[in-house]
Amino acid sequence: MAGDATLDVPQDRRQRRWRQVHDAIYEAARELFLESDFSSTSVDDIADRADVARKTAFNHYPRKRDFIREWGDRRRNRVHERLSKSVLAEPQLPVVLRHYFDELAKLNVEDRALTRRMLMGWRECGGPFDVDPHALIDIFADLIRAAADRGELAAAVDPDRIATVLYSSYFGLLYDWCEGTDEEPPFDLQVAFMQFLDVVLNGLGVRS
C-alpha cells in the first residue's frame, strides 16, 4: 500500500503541472483577446504571453476555437456554483429556469468585454450552431426532463426540442446584446431573458 501511495505522487504532480500550464495558456489567451480580439490573436501570440512553446499551446488547445470551449465550460461551472441549493432541492421548472438564466445574465454583464470577444470569435468559427457538441443544450434538456418526470409538463412535450428553443433564444438574445461597445449594451439582458422565458413557459402551459 505504501508503495502504491508513493507511485501516486509523481502522477499527482504531473496533473497539477498540466493544470497550471493549461490555466496559464488560457489566461494568456483571455488577456490578448481583451487587448485586441479573437481573430487577430494568433496561437504564437498566446504561447509567447504564456511563456510556453508553440507545441505546448497546441497540445493543450489543438484549435483556437478550443479557447471558446474552455470559456464556456468555465462559465457553466460558475453558474452551477451560484445556483441556489434551496431552489435545486425543491425544483419547479419556472423557478429553476429563471434562476439559471438570471445567473447567466449576471455573468455576461460582469464580463461583457470578454463575452463580446468570444462570441464574435465563435461566430467566425461557425457559431453556436456548428458541429461541436453543445453542453448547454444538454443542461436545458435535463431540466425539462426533470420537470416532465415531476408531472409539470404535458406528456407530448419533447425535452430536446424545448432545449433547442432555449438554446437558440439564449444565443440569439446574447448576440444582439453584444452589439454596441464594451461599456454600453443596447438593452438590459436580464429583462430580455425573463421576457423570453415568459413566452416559453406560457407556451408550455407552465405558470410561474
N, C-alpha and C. Protein backbone atom coordinates (compact mmCIF):
# COMPACT_ATOMS: atom_id res chain seq x y z
N MET A 1 0.83 -1.21 0.00
CA MET A 1 0.00 0.00 0.00
C MET A 1 0.86 1.26 0.00
N ALA A 2 1.95 1.20 0.82
CA ALA A 2 2.83 2.37 0.86
C ALA A 2 3.47 2.60 -0.48
N GLY A 3 3.81 1.49 -1.16
CA GLY A 3 4.42 1.63 -2.48
C GLY A 3 3.46 2.26 -3.46
N ASP A 4 2.16 1.87 -3.39
CA ASP A 4 1.15 2.45 -4.28
C ASP A 4 1.03 3.95 -4.06
N ALA A 5 1.03 4.38 -2.80
CA ALA A 5 0.92 5.81 -2.49
C ALA A 5 2.11 6.57 -3.05
N THR A 6 3.30 5.94 -2.97
CA THR A 6 4.49 6.60 -3.49
C THR A 6 4.41 6.78 -4.99
N LEU A 7 3.85 5.76 -5.67
CA LEU A 7 3.72 5.84 -7.13
C LEU A 7 2.73 6.91 -7.53
N ASP A 8 1.75 7.21 -6.66
CA ASP A 8 0.74 8.21 -6.99
C ASP A 8 1.31 9.62 -6.98
N VAL A 9 2.37 9.86 -6.24
CA VAL A 9 2.88 11.23 -6.07
C VAL A 9 3.33 11.85 -7.39
N PRO A 10 4.16 11.17 -8.20
CA PRO A 10 4.55 11.79 -9.47
C PRO A 10 3.37 12.07 -10.39
N GLN A 11 2.38 11.15 -10.39
CA GLN A 11 1.21 11.36 -11.22
C GLN A 11 0.44 12.61 -10.78
N ASP A 12 0.25 12.75 -9.46
CA ASP A 12 -0.43 13.94 -8.95
C ASP A 12 0.32 15.21 -9.32
N ARG A 13 1.64 15.13 -9.23
CA ARG A 13 2.46 16.29 -9.56
C ARG A 13 2.32 16.63 -11.04
N ARG A 14 2.31 15.62 -11.88
CA ARG A 14 2.14 15.86 -13.33
C ARG A 14 0.78 16.47 -13.62
N GLN A 15 -0.23 15.97 -12.94
CA GLN A 15 -1.57 16.51 -13.16
C GLN A 15 -1.66 17.97 -12.74
N ARG A 16 -1.05 18.27 -11.60
CA ARG A 16 -1.06 19.66 -11.14
C ARG A 16 -0.31 20.56 -12.11
N ARG A 17 0.83 20.07 -12.60
CA ARG A 17 1.61 20.86 -13.54
C ARG A 17 0.84 21.06 -14.84
N TRP A 18 0.17 20.00 -15.30
CA TRP A 18 -0.62 20.11 -16.53
C TRP A 18 -1.70 21.18 -16.36
N ARG A 19 -2.38 21.15 -15.22
CA ARG A 19 -3.44 22.12 -14.98
C ARG A 19 -2.89 23.53 -14.88
N GLN A 20 -1.75 23.70 -14.26
CA GLN A 20 -1.12 25.02 -14.16
C GLN A 20 -0.80 25.58 -15.54
N VAL A 21 -0.22 24.74 -16.39
CA VAL A 21 0.12 25.19 -17.75
C VAL A 21 -1.16 25.47 -18.54
N HIS A 22 -2.13 24.60 -18.41
CA HIS A 22 -3.41 24.76 -19.11
C HIS A 22 -4.06 26.09 -18.74
N ASP A 23 -4.09 26.37 -17.44
CA ASP A 23 -4.69 27.63 -16.97
C ASP A 23 -3.89 28.84 -17.43
N ALA A 24 -2.57 28.72 -17.40
CA ALA A 24 -1.71 29.84 -17.82
C ALA A 24 -1.93 30.18 -19.28
N ILE A 25 -2.06 29.15 -20.12
CA ILE A 25 -2.30 29.39 -21.54
C ILE A 25 -3.67 30.03 -21.75
N TYR A 26 -4.67 29.55 -21.03
CA TYR A 26 -6.00 30.15 -21.15
C TYR A 26 -5.99 31.61 -20.71
N GLU A 27 -5.35 31.89 -19.59
CA GLU A 27 -5.31 33.27 -19.09
C GLU A 27 -4.58 34.19 -20.06
N ALA A 28 -3.53 33.67 -20.68
CA ALA A 28 -2.81 34.47 -21.68
C ALA A 28 -3.72 34.78 -22.86
N ALA A 29 -4.46 33.77 -23.31
CA ALA A 29 -5.40 33.99 -24.42
C ALA A 29 -6.47 35.00 -24.04
N ARG A 30 -7.01 34.86 -22.84
CA ARG A 30 -8.06 35.78 -22.39
C ARG A 30 -7.55 37.22 -22.39
N GLU A 31 -6.35 37.42 -21.88
CA GLU A 31 -5.78 38.76 -21.84
C GLU A 31 -5.62 39.34 -23.25
N LEU A 32 -5.12 38.52 -24.15
CA LEU A 32 -4.88 39.00 -25.52
C LEU A 32 -6.18 39.26 -26.26
N PHE A 33 -7.19 38.42 -26.05
CA PHE A 33 -8.48 38.66 -26.69
C PHE A 33 -9.06 39.99 -26.22
N LEU A 34 -8.90 40.29 -24.93
CA LEU A 34 -9.41 41.54 -24.40
C LEU A 34 -8.63 42.74 -24.94
N GLU A 35 -7.32 42.56 -25.14
CA GLU A 35 -6.49 43.66 -25.63
C GLU A 35 -6.77 43.97 -27.10
N SER A 36 -7.11 42.95 -27.87
CA SER A 36 -7.43 43.18 -29.29
C SER A 36 -8.75 42.49 -29.62
N ASP A 37 -8.68 41.29 -30.18
CA ASP A 37 -9.88 40.50 -30.41
C ASP A 37 -9.46 39.06 -30.70
N PHE A 38 -10.44 38.22 -30.95
CA PHE A 38 -10.17 36.79 -31.15
C PHE A 38 -9.43 36.55 -32.46
N SER A 39 -9.90 37.12 -33.56
CA SER A 39 -9.37 36.78 -34.87
C SER A 39 -7.93 37.25 -35.07
N SER A 40 -7.57 38.38 -34.49
CA SER A 40 -6.23 38.92 -34.72
C SER A 40 -5.19 38.37 -33.73
N THR A 41 -5.63 37.55 -32.79
CA THR A 41 -4.71 36.94 -31.83
C THR A 41 -4.30 35.57 -32.35
N SER A 42 -3.01 35.35 -32.50
CA SER A 42 -2.52 34.07 -33.01
C SER A 42 -2.12 33.15 -31.86
N VAL A 43 -2.00 31.87 -32.17
CA VAL A 43 -1.52 30.92 -31.18
C VAL A 43 -0.10 31.26 -30.76
N ASP A 44 0.70 31.75 -31.69
CA ASP A 44 2.06 32.19 -31.35
C ASP A 44 2.02 33.30 -30.31
N ASP A 45 1.10 34.26 -30.50
CA ASP A 45 0.95 35.34 -29.52
C ASP A 45 0.62 34.78 -28.14
N ILE A 46 -0.29 33.82 -28.13
CA ILE A 46 -0.73 33.23 -26.87
C ILE A 46 0.41 32.47 -26.20
N ALA A 47 1.14 31.69 -26.99
CA ALA A 47 2.26 30.93 -26.44
C ALA A 47 3.32 31.86 -25.87
N ASP A 48 3.60 32.95 -26.59
CA ASP A 48 4.58 33.92 -26.09
C ASP A 48 4.13 34.54 -24.77
N ARG A 49 2.87 34.93 -24.70
CA ARG A 49 2.37 35.56 -23.47
C ARG A 49 2.40 34.57 -22.30
N ALA A 50 2.09 33.30 -22.59
CA ALA A 50 2.09 32.29 -21.53
C ALA A 50 3.48 31.76 -21.22
N ASP A 51 4.46 32.15 -22.05
CA ASP A 51 5.85 31.70 -21.87
C ASP A 51 5.95 30.18 -21.99
N VAL A 52 5.29 29.64 -23.03
CA VAL A 52 5.39 28.21 -23.33
C VAL A 52 5.71 28.04 -24.80
N ALA A 53 6.14 26.85 -25.17
CA ALA A 53 6.42 26.56 -26.57
C ALA A 53 5.11 26.51 -27.36
N ARG A 54 5.20 26.83 -28.65
CA ARG A 54 4.02 26.77 -29.51
C ARG A 54 3.40 25.38 -29.48
N LYS A 55 4.23 24.35 -29.49
CA LYS A 55 3.74 22.97 -29.46
C LYS A 55 2.96 22.71 -28.18
N THR A 56 3.44 23.25 -27.07
CA THR A 56 2.74 23.08 -25.79
C THR A 56 1.35 23.70 -25.85
N ALA A 57 1.27 24.90 -26.43
CA ALA A 57 -0.03 25.55 -26.56
C ALA A 57 -0.98 24.70 -27.39
N PHE A 58 -0.49 24.13 -28.49
CA PHE A 58 -1.33 23.30 -29.34
C PHE A 58 -1.70 21.99 -28.65
N ASN A 59 -0.82 21.47 -27.81
CA ASN A 59 -1.15 20.25 -27.07
C ASN A 59 -2.33 20.46 -26.14
N HIS A 60 -2.40 21.64 -25.56
CA HIS A 60 -3.50 21.95 -24.63
C HIS A 60 -4.74 22.43 -25.37
N TYR A 61 -4.56 23.17 -26.44
CA TYR A 61 -5.67 23.73 -27.21
C TYR A 61 -5.38 23.49 -28.69
N PRO A 62 -5.73 22.31 -29.22
CA PRO A 62 -5.38 21.96 -30.61
C PRO A 62 -5.95 22.93 -31.65
N ARG A 63 -7.11 23.52 -31.35
CA ARG A 63 -7.71 24.52 -32.26
C ARG A 63 -7.93 25.80 -31.47
N LYS A 64 -7.84 26.93 -32.15
CA LYS A 64 -8.04 28.19 -31.42
C LYS A 64 -9.45 28.27 -30.85
N ARG A 65 -10.39 27.67 -31.52
CA ARG A 65 -11.76 27.68 -31.03
C ARG A 65 -11.90 26.93 -29.70
N ASP A 66 -10.90 26.10 -29.35
CA ASP A 66 -10.95 25.39 -28.07
C ASP A 66 -10.86 26.35 -26.88
N PHE A 67 -10.34 27.55 -27.11
CA PHE A 67 -10.36 28.55 -26.05
C PHE A 67 -11.80 28.98 -25.77
N ILE A 68 -12.62 29.01 -26.80
CA ILE A 68 -14.03 29.35 -26.61
C ILE A 68 -14.74 28.25 -25.85
N ARG A 69 -14.41 27.01 -26.17
CA ARG A 69 -14.99 25.88 -25.43
C ARG A 69 -14.60 25.96 -23.94
N GLU A 70 -13.32 26.25 -23.69
CA GLU A 70 -12.87 26.37 -22.30
C GLU A 70 -13.61 27.49 -21.58
N TRP A 71 -13.77 28.61 -22.26
CA TRP A 71 -14.50 29.74 -21.70
C TRP A 71 -15.93 29.33 -21.35
N GLY A 72 -16.59 28.60 -22.25
CA GLY A 72 -17.94 28.14 -21.98
C GLY A 72 -18.01 27.18 -20.81
N ASP A 73 -17.06 26.26 -20.74
CA ASP A 73 -17.03 25.30 -19.64
C ASP A 73 -16.87 26.02 -18.30
N ARG A 74 -15.99 27.01 -18.27
CA ARG A 74 -15.76 27.74 -17.02
C ARG A 74 -16.99 28.53 -16.61
N ARG A 75 -17.67 29.09 -17.57
CA ARG A 75 -18.88 29.86 -17.26
C ARG A 75 -19.98 28.96 -16.72
N ARG A 76 -20.16 27.80 -17.34
CA ARG A 76 -21.18 26.87 -16.85
C ARG A 76 -20.86 26.42 -15.42
N ASN A 77 -19.60 26.19 -15.15
CA ASN A 77 -19.21 25.81 -13.79
C ASN A 77 -19.53 26.93 -12.80
N ARG A 78 -19.29 28.17 -13.22
CA ARG A 78 -19.59 29.31 -12.34
C ARG A 78 -21.09 29.43 -12.09
N VAL A 79 -21.90 29.19 -13.12
CA VAL A 79 -23.35 29.24 -12.93
C VAL A 79 -23.78 28.19 -11.92
N HIS A 80 -23.27 26.97 -12.06
CA HIS A 80 -23.67 25.90 -11.14
C HIS A 80 -23.22 26.19 -9.72
N GLU A 81 -22.08 26.83 -9.56
CA GLU A 81 -21.63 27.20 -8.23
C GLU A 81 -22.56 28.23 -7.59
N ARG A 82 -23.20 29.04 -8.42
CA ARG A 82 -24.04 30.12 -7.91
C ARG A 82 -25.50 29.70 -7.71
N LEU A 83 -25.89 28.56 -8.27
CA LEU A 83 -27.29 28.16 -8.18
C LEU A 83 -27.68 27.92 -6.72
N SER A 84 -28.84 28.43 -6.38
CA SER A 84 -29.33 28.30 -5.02
C SER A 84 -29.63 26.84 -4.70
N LYS A 85 -29.06 26.35 -3.61
CA LYS A 85 -29.31 24.97 -3.19
C LYS A 85 -30.77 24.77 -2.81
N SER A 86 -31.40 25.81 -2.28
CA SER A 86 -32.81 25.68 -1.90
C SER A 86 -33.70 25.52 -3.13
N VAL A 87 -33.35 26.21 -4.22
CA VAL A 87 -34.12 26.08 -5.46
C VAL A 87 -33.95 24.68 -6.03
N LEU A 88 -32.73 24.18 -6.04
CA LEU A 88 -32.47 22.86 -6.60
C LEU A 88 -33.03 21.75 -5.72
N ALA A 89 -33.16 22.01 -4.44
CA ALA A 89 -33.68 20.98 -3.53
C ALA A 89 -35.16 20.72 -3.76
N GLU A 90 -35.92 21.78 -4.09
CA GLU A 90 -37.34 21.63 -4.38
C GLU A 90 -37.64 22.33 -5.70
N PRO A 91 -37.19 21.73 -6.80
CA PRO A 91 -37.25 22.43 -8.09
C PRO A 91 -38.66 22.53 -8.67
N GLN A 92 -38.91 23.64 -9.29
CA GLN A 92 -40.07 23.86 -10.15
C GLN A 92 -39.52 24.51 -11.41
N LEU A 93 -39.96 24.06 -12.57
CA LEU A 93 -39.33 24.49 -13.82
C LEU A 93 -39.25 26.00 -13.97
N PRO A 94 -40.33 26.76 -13.75
CA PRO A 94 -40.21 28.21 -13.93
C PRO A 94 -39.15 28.83 -13.02
N VAL A 95 -39.10 28.38 -11.77
CA VAL A 95 -38.15 28.93 -10.81
C VAL A 95 -36.72 28.57 -11.21
N VAL A 96 -36.51 27.30 -11.56
CA VAL A 96 -35.16 26.85 -11.91
C VAL A 96 -34.66 27.56 -13.16
N LEU A 97 -35.50 27.66 -14.19
CA LEU A 97 -35.07 28.32 -15.43
C LEU A 97 -34.78 29.79 -15.20
N ARG A 98 -35.64 30.46 -14.45
CA ARG A 98 -35.40 31.88 -14.19
C ARG A 98 -34.12 32.07 -13.38
N HIS A 99 -33.90 31.20 -12.44
CA HIS A 99 -32.69 31.27 -11.63
C HIS A 99 -31.46 31.06 -12.51
N TYR A 100 -31.53 30.05 -13.38
CA TYR A 100 -30.39 29.73 -14.24
C TYR A 100 -30.09 30.88 -15.20
N PHE A 101 -31.13 31.40 -15.85
CA PHE A 101 -30.92 32.49 -16.81
C PHE A 101 -30.53 33.79 -16.12
N ASP A 102 -30.99 33.98 -14.90
CA ASP A 102 -30.56 35.16 -14.16
C ASP A 102 -29.06 35.11 -13.89
N GLU A 103 -28.55 33.93 -13.54
CA GLU A 103 -27.12 33.79 -13.30
C GLU A 103 -26.33 33.93 -14.60
N LEU A 104 -26.87 33.42 -15.71
CA LEU A 104 -26.22 33.62 -17.00
C LEU A 104 -26.14 35.11 -17.34
N ALA A 105 -27.23 35.82 -17.10
CA ALA A 105 -27.23 37.26 -17.38
C ALA A 105 -26.18 37.98 -16.55
N LYS A 106 -26.09 37.64 -15.27
CA LYS A 106 -25.11 38.29 -14.39
C LYS A 106 -23.69 38.05 -14.88
N LEU A 107 -23.39 36.82 -15.28
CA LEU A 107 -22.04 36.51 -15.76
C LEU A 107 -21.71 37.31 -17.01
N ASN A 108 -22.66 37.39 -17.94
CA ASN A 108 -22.41 38.14 -19.16
C ASN A 108 -22.22 39.62 -18.89
N VAL A 109 -23.02 40.17 -17.99
CA VAL A 109 -22.90 41.59 -17.66
C VAL A 109 -21.57 41.86 -16.96
N GLU A 110 -21.19 40.98 -16.04
CA GLU A 110 -19.93 41.16 -15.31
C GLU A 110 -18.74 41.11 -16.25
N ASP A 111 -18.84 40.34 -17.30
CA ASP A 111 -17.69 40.10 -18.18
C ASP A 111 -18.05 40.42 -19.63
N ARG A 112 -18.73 41.56 -19.82
CA ARG A 112 -19.26 41.90 -21.15
C ARG A 112 -18.16 41.94 -22.21
N ALA A 113 -17.03 42.54 -21.90
CA ALA A 113 -15.99 42.69 -22.91
C ALA A 113 -15.51 41.33 -23.43
N LEU A 114 -15.25 40.40 -22.52
CA LEU A 114 -14.79 39.09 -22.95
C LEU A 114 -15.91 38.32 -23.65
N THR A 115 -17.14 38.47 -23.18
CA THR A 115 -18.27 37.82 -23.85
C THR A 115 -18.34 38.26 -25.30
N ARG A 116 -18.17 39.54 -25.54
CA ARG A 116 -18.22 40.05 -26.91
C ARG A 116 -17.10 39.46 -27.76
N ARG A 117 -15.88 39.40 -27.21
CA ARG A 117 -14.75 38.86 -27.97
C ARG A 117 -14.97 37.38 -28.30
N MET A 118 -15.42 36.63 -27.31
CA MET A 118 -15.58 35.20 -27.51
C MET A 118 -16.73 34.88 -28.47
N LEU A 119 -17.83 35.59 -28.36
CA LEU A 119 -18.96 35.32 -29.25
C LEU A 119 -18.64 35.72 -30.68
N MET A 120 -17.96 36.83 -30.87
CA MET A 120 -17.57 37.21 -32.22
C MET A 120 -16.58 36.19 -32.79
N GLY A 121 -15.68 35.71 -31.95
CA GLY A 121 -14.76 34.67 -32.40
C GLY A 121 -15.47 33.39 -32.73
N TRP A 122 -16.45 33.03 -31.92
CA TRP A 122 -17.20 31.80 -32.18
C TRP A 122 -17.98 31.91 -33.48
N ARG A 123 -18.54 33.08 -33.75
CA ARG A 123 -19.27 33.27 -35.00
C ARG A 123 -18.34 33.08 -36.19
N GLU A 124 -17.11 33.55 -36.08
CA GLU A 124 -16.14 33.36 -37.16
C GLU A 124 -15.80 31.88 -37.35
N CYS A 125 -15.88 31.11 -36.26
CA CYS A 125 -15.55 29.68 -36.32
C CYS A 125 -16.74 28.80 -36.68
N GLY A 126 -17.90 29.37 -36.83
CA GLY A 126 -19.07 28.57 -37.16
C GLY A 126 -20.27 28.87 -36.29
N GLY A 127 -20.04 29.54 -35.18
CA GLY A 127 -21.15 29.99 -34.35
C GLY A 127 -21.75 28.90 -33.48
N PRO A 128 -22.80 29.24 -32.77
CA PRO A 128 -23.40 28.30 -31.81
C PRO A 128 -24.13 27.14 -32.46
N PHE A 129 -24.19 27.10 -33.79
CA PHE A 129 -24.87 26.00 -34.47
C PHE A 129 -23.91 25.22 -35.35
N ASP A 130 -22.64 25.16 -34.92
CA ASP A 130 -21.64 24.41 -35.66
C ASP A 130 -21.71 22.94 -35.25
N VAL A 131 -20.70 22.18 -35.64
CA VAL A 131 -20.77 20.73 -35.45
C VAL A 131 -20.34 20.29 -34.05
N ASP A 132 -19.77 21.17 -33.26
CA ASP A 132 -19.33 20.78 -31.93
C ASP A 132 -20.54 20.49 -31.03
N PRO A 133 -20.38 19.57 -30.07
CA PRO A 133 -21.47 19.33 -29.11
C PRO A 133 -21.67 20.56 -28.23
N HIS A 134 -22.88 20.73 -27.77
CA HIS A 134 -23.21 21.93 -27.01
C HIS A 134 -23.75 21.52 -25.64
N ALA A 135 -22.93 21.66 -24.63
CA ALA A 135 -23.29 21.21 -23.29
C ALA A 135 -24.52 21.94 -22.76
N LEU A 136 -24.71 23.19 -23.18
CA LEU A 136 -25.84 23.96 -22.65
C LEU A 136 -27.17 23.35 -23.07
N ILE A 137 -27.25 22.81 -24.28
CA ILE A 137 -28.48 22.14 -24.71
C ILE A 137 -28.77 20.96 -23.80
N ASP A 138 -27.74 20.20 -23.45
CA ASP A 138 -27.94 19.05 -22.57
C ASP A 138 -28.42 19.48 -21.19
N ILE A 139 -27.89 20.59 -20.69
CA ILE A 139 -28.33 21.10 -19.39
C ILE A 139 -29.81 21.47 -19.44
N PHE A 140 -30.20 22.21 -20.48
CA PHE A 140 -31.60 22.60 -20.62
C PHE A 140 -32.49 21.37 -20.77
N ALA A 141 -32.07 20.40 -21.57
CA ALA A 141 -32.87 19.20 -21.77
C ALA A 141 -33.06 18.43 -20.47
N ASP A 142 -32.01 18.37 -19.65
CA ASP A 142 -32.12 17.68 -18.36
C ASP A 142 -33.13 18.39 -17.45
N LEU A 143 -33.13 19.72 -17.47
CA LEU A 143 -34.09 20.47 -16.66
C LEU A 143 -35.51 20.21 -17.12
N ILE A 144 -35.73 20.15 -18.45
CA ILE A 144 -37.07 19.89 -18.98
C ILE A 144 -37.51 18.47 -18.66
N ARG A 145 -36.61 17.50 -18.81
CA ARG A 145 -36.95 16.10 -18.50
C ARG A 145 -37.32 15.95 -17.02
N ALA A 146 -36.56 16.60 -16.17
CA ALA A 146 -36.85 16.52 -14.74
C ALA A 146 -38.24 17.09 -14.44
N ALA A 147 -38.59 18.20 -15.10
CA ALA A 147 -39.91 18.79 -14.90
C ALA A 147 -41.00 17.85 -15.41
N ALA A 148 -40.75 17.20 -16.56
CA ALA A 148 -41.72 16.24 -17.09
C ALA A 148 -41.91 15.07 -16.14
N ASP A 149 -40.81 14.60 -15.57
CA ASP A 149 -40.89 13.49 -14.61
C ASP A 149 -41.67 13.89 -13.37
N ARG A 150 -41.63 15.16 -13.02
CA ARG A 150 -42.38 15.64 -11.85
C ARG A 150 -43.84 15.91 -12.18
N GLY A 151 -44.22 15.74 -13.45
CA GLY A 151 -45.59 15.96 -13.87
C GLY A 151 -45.94 17.40 -14.14
N GLU A 152 -44.94 18.25 -14.34
CA GLU A 152 -45.21 19.67 -14.57
C GLU A 152 -45.58 19.96 -16.02
N LEU A 153 -45.27 19.02 -16.93
CA LEU A 153 -45.47 19.27 -18.35
C LEU A 153 -46.35 18.20 -18.98
N ALA A 154 -46.95 18.54 -20.09
CA ALA A 154 -47.74 17.56 -20.83
C ALA A 154 -46.84 16.47 -21.37
N ALA A 155 -47.38 15.27 -21.53
CA ALA A 155 -46.59 14.13 -22.00
C ALA A 155 -46.06 14.35 -23.40
N ALA A 156 -46.76 15.19 -24.20
CA ALA A 156 -46.34 15.40 -25.59
C ALA A 156 -45.13 16.30 -25.72
N VAL A 157 -44.72 16.97 -24.66
CA VAL A 157 -43.58 17.89 -24.73
C VAL A 157 -42.30 17.11 -24.97
N ASP A 158 -41.54 17.54 -25.98
CA ASP A 158 -40.26 16.92 -26.31
C ASP A 158 -39.15 17.74 -25.65
N PRO A 159 -38.49 17.22 -24.63
CA PRO A 159 -37.46 17.99 -23.93
C PRO A 159 -36.34 18.47 -24.85
N ASP A 160 -35.95 17.65 -25.83
CA ASP A 160 -34.86 18.05 -26.72
C ASP A 160 -35.25 19.25 -27.58
N ARG A 161 -36.50 19.28 -28.05
CA ARG A 161 -36.94 20.41 -28.88
C ARG A 161 -37.03 21.68 -28.04
N ILE A 162 -37.56 21.56 -26.84
CA ILE A 162 -37.65 22.73 -25.98
C ILE A 162 -36.26 23.22 -25.59
N ALA A 163 -35.34 22.28 -25.36
CA ALA A 163 -33.96 22.67 -25.05
C ALA A 163 -33.35 23.44 -26.22
N THR A 164 -33.66 23.04 -27.45
CA THR A 164 -33.15 23.76 -28.62
C THR A 164 -33.72 25.16 -28.69
N VAL A 165 -35.01 25.31 -28.34
CA VAL A 165 -35.63 26.64 -28.31
C VAL A 165 -34.93 27.52 -27.28
N LEU A 166 -34.67 26.99 -26.10
CA LEU A 166 -33.99 27.76 -25.06
C LEU A 166 -32.59 28.15 -25.50
N TYR A 167 -31.88 27.19 -26.06
CA TYR A 167 -30.50 27.42 -26.52
C TYR A 167 -30.46 28.48 -27.62
N SER A 168 -31.34 28.32 -28.61
CA SER A 168 -31.37 29.26 -29.73
C SER A 168 -31.74 30.66 -29.27
N SER A 169 -32.72 30.76 -28.40
CA SER A 169 -33.15 32.06 -27.90
C SER A 169 -32.07 32.71 -27.06
N TYR A 170 -31.40 31.90 -26.25
CA TYR A 170 -30.33 32.43 -25.40
C TYR A 170 -29.26 33.08 -26.25
N PHE A 171 -28.76 32.35 -27.26
CA PHE A 171 -27.67 32.91 -28.05
C PHE A 171 -28.15 34.01 -29.01
N GLY A 172 -29.39 33.91 -29.48
CA GLY A 172 -29.91 34.99 -30.30
C GLY A 172 -29.95 36.30 -29.54
N LEU A 173 -30.47 36.27 -28.33
CA LEU A 173 -30.50 37.47 -27.50
C LEU A 173 -29.10 37.92 -27.12
N LEU A 174 -28.22 36.96 -26.83
CA LEU A 174 -26.87 37.31 -26.40
C LEU A 174 -26.09 37.99 -27.53
N TYR A 175 -26.24 37.49 -28.75
CA TYR A 175 -25.56 38.14 -29.88
C TYR A 175 -26.08 39.55 -30.09
N ASP A 176 -27.40 39.74 -29.97
CA ASP A 176 -27.96 41.09 -30.09
C ASP A 176 -27.42 42.00 -29.00
N TRP A 177 -27.30 41.47 -27.80
CA TRP A 177 -26.81 42.25 -26.66
C TRP A 177 -25.35 42.62 -26.81
N CYS A 178 -24.60 41.85 -27.59
CA CYS A 178 -23.18 42.13 -27.80
C CYS A 178 -22.93 43.28 -28.77
N GLU A 179 -23.96 43.76 -29.41
CA GLU A 179 -23.80 44.93 -30.26
C GLU A 179 -23.45 46.15 -29.40
N GLY A 180 -22.93 47.18 -30.03
CA GLY A 180 -22.56 48.38 -29.29
C GLY A 180 -21.12 48.32 -28.83
N THR A 181 -20.86 48.87 -27.67
CA THR A 181 -19.49 48.95 -27.16
C THR A 181 -19.35 48.07 -25.92
N ASP A 182 -18.10 47.94 -25.45
CA ASP A 182 -17.88 47.18 -24.22
C ASP A 182 -18.61 47.79 -23.04
N GLU A 183 -18.76 49.10 -23.06
CA GLU A 183 -19.33 49.81 -21.91
C GLU A 183 -20.84 49.99 -21.99
N GLU A 184 -21.41 49.95 -23.20
CA GLU A 184 -22.82 50.31 -23.35
C GLU A 184 -23.59 49.23 -24.09
N PRO A 185 -24.23 48.31 -23.36
CA PRO A 185 -25.08 47.32 -24.02
C PRO A 185 -26.34 47.97 -24.56
N PRO A 186 -26.92 47.40 -25.61
CA PRO A 186 -28.10 48.02 -26.22
C PRO A 186 -29.39 47.81 -25.44
N PHE A 187 -29.43 46.85 -24.54
CA PHE A 187 -30.62 46.61 -23.73
C PHE A 187 -30.24 45.82 -22.48
N ASP A 188 -31.20 45.71 -21.57
CA ASP A 188 -30.99 45.00 -20.31
C ASP A 188 -31.12 43.50 -20.57
N LEU A 189 -30.06 42.78 -20.43
CA LEU A 189 -30.05 41.36 -20.77
C LEU A 189 -30.93 40.54 -19.83
N GLN A 190 -30.90 40.86 -18.56
CA GLN A 190 -31.70 40.10 -17.60
C GLN A 190 -33.18 40.25 -17.89
N VAL A 191 -33.61 41.46 -18.21
CA VAL A 191 -35.01 41.70 -18.55
C VAL A 191 -35.39 40.93 -19.82
N ALA A 192 -34.52 40.96 -20.81
CA ALA A 192 -34.79 40.24 -22.07
C ALA A 192 -34.93 38.74 -21.83
N PHE A 193 -34.06 38.19 -21.00
CA PHE A 193 -34.14 36.76 -20.69
C PHE A 193 -35.46 36.42 -20.00
N MET A 194 -35.88 37.23 -19.05
CA MET A 194 -37.11 36.94 -18.33
C MET A 194 -38.33 37.07 -19.25
N GLN A 195 -38.30 38.01 -20.17
CA GLN A 195 -39.42 38.18 -21.11
C GLN A 195 -39.54 36.97 -22.03
N PHE A 196 -38.41 36.47 -22.52
CA PHE A 196 -38.49 35.32 -23.42
C PHE A 196 -38.89 34.06 -22.65
N LEU A 197 -38.48 33.95 -21.39
CA LEU A 197 -38.91 32.81 -20.59
C LEU A 197 -40.41 32.85 -20.34
N ASP A 198 -40.98 34.05 -20.18
CA ASP A 198 -42.44 34.18 -20.04
C ASP A 198 -43.14 33.53 -21.24
N VAL A 199 -42.63 33.82 -22.43
CA VAL A 199 -43.23 33.28 -23.65
C VAL A 199 -43.11 31.76 -23.69
N VAL A 200 -41.92 31.25 -23.40
CA VAL A 200 -41.69 29.80 -23.45
C VAL A 200 -42.54 29.08 -22.41
N LEU A 201 -42.51 29.56 -21.18
CA LEU A 201 -43.22 28.88 -20.10
C LEU A 201 -44.74 28.94 -20.30
N ASN A 202 -45.24 30.06 -20.81
CA ASN A 202 -46.67 30.16 -21.11
C ASN A 202 -47.04 29.20 -22.23
N GLY A 203 -46.16 29.08 -23.22
CA GLY A 203 -46.42 28.16 -24.32
C GLY A 203 -46.43 26.71 -23.88
N LEU A 204 -45.64 26.40 -22.86
CA LEU A 204 -45.61 25.04 -22.32
C LEU A 204 -46.77 24.77 -21.37
N GLY A 205 -47.53 25.81 -21.04
CA GLY A 205 -48.61 25.64 -20.10
C GLY A 205 -48.15 25.61 -18.66
N VAL A 206 -46.95 26.13 -18.41
CA VAL A 206 -46.40 26.19 -17.07
C VAL A 206 -46.58 27.60 -16.55
N ARG A 207 -47.03 27.73 -15.33
CA ARG A 207 -47.21 29.06 -14.74
C ARG A 207 -46.22 29.26 -13.61
N SER A 208 -45.57 30.44 -13.60
CA SER A 208 -44.61 30.72 -12.53
C SER A 208 -45.31 31.36 -11.35
